[in-house]
Amino acid sequence: MGAVTRMTEPTRATGCLPTVQDEAWLPVEDPAAVGAVRRRVSALAQRLGFPPSRVAEIGIVATELATNLCKHAVRGVVLLRSVQADQPLVELLAVDSGPGMIDPETCLRDGQSTTGTLGIGLGAVTRLADSFAVLSEVGLGTGFATRFHATRHPVDPGTTAAGLTRALAHEPVCGDAYAVRQDGDQLTLMLCDGSGHGPMAATASQRAVAVFCEGDPCAPEVAVQRIHTALVGTRGGAVSVARIDQAAGTVRFAGIGNVVGSVLSEQGRRGMVSLPGIAGYQARTFRGFDYEAPPGSLVVLHSDGLTDRWSVDGRERLLAAPPLLVAGALLREAGVRRDDACVLVARVGQP
């Protein structure tokens, strides 16, 4: 097995899902970076009001994940995230381009390791975190995702959608943004790539998020048209909206501009059609297209901060992994450093 999971996303019965803030991407290239990761995540937990004992536990997990990257990985990075749900949450995502693990379950047992160490640290991670998941693909790399409440308790049942944003280097904010709505049995995804990068691009993409979340449920092409109207006077951007109908086993997609939408399954990857234009400037046609999305398949949206040259052929572990780890793997492999990047992944559930 390559994917070990004990992780879900928080949900609400209707409306947009809780806001997730990507606080910091921290590269781990030498032992000194381990302490920096621990200090940053501890400061985040303290700012969110976590008790000292829980802050210490999160620090232990951060140290173990960062140490693991430093010892065994290539180009490892730790992402700190905060989730504004009913109670604040802290998430850690550690992703690398290392050799991967043949048997992750064995590596996570206390006293076991494929590298000759005791292996007790990763075992502690699974015990201290409220949610835990790992995706490891031999020859490609490994990702660990952990979530912490202020006090330990079982994870809330939830939807299966997660996104990541990464700002262009030296920019204070990311010009790409995403949002997810849950309206009954329908899950709707929205991604906006604000034109350019930096604060002005972020203003456009955040306006798209507000319009998407505050409006009534509607068809994707209607949502895109609403966003287009709202972005007049901003830099504009590329926008995609996908509505997953679990009962029908379909996804309806509408897009304007250079955004990518795909359905992933054991049969491979199927692209979805986005029409030419720039939301807020030039967009003459708003049209939705329907695609099959069987239970267990993945719906992926991403900006042009990721290249379109990625594949899922022969990657059973990736297809079975939680959306957050799928997003991390795609960003690791296809993300470019010359632009903001955003990727959003959702799993189609049983009707």
Foldseek 3Di string as FASTA:
>chain_A
DFKDWFDDADQDQWFWGWDKDFDDKQWQAALVSLVVQLVVQLVVCVVLPFDPVLSVLVSLLSNLLSVCCHPFFARKIKIWMWTPDVAIKIKIKIKGQGQWDPDVVQLLDQQGHPPPDRSNSSVSQVVSFLIWMKGTDGRGIIMIMGMHTSDHDHDDHDFQKDKDKDFFPPAPDFLKDKIWINHHQKIKIKIWRQPATHDLSVVLNVQLVVQLRPDDDDAFLVSLLSSLVSNAVGSFTKMKMWMQRLVVQKIKIEIEDQKWKWKQDQVWIDTDDYYYDTRNGDDDDRDIDMDGHHALIKIKIKGVQFPPPDICHPPPSLSNYGNVVVNVSRCVVGGDNRHMIMMMMGGRHHD
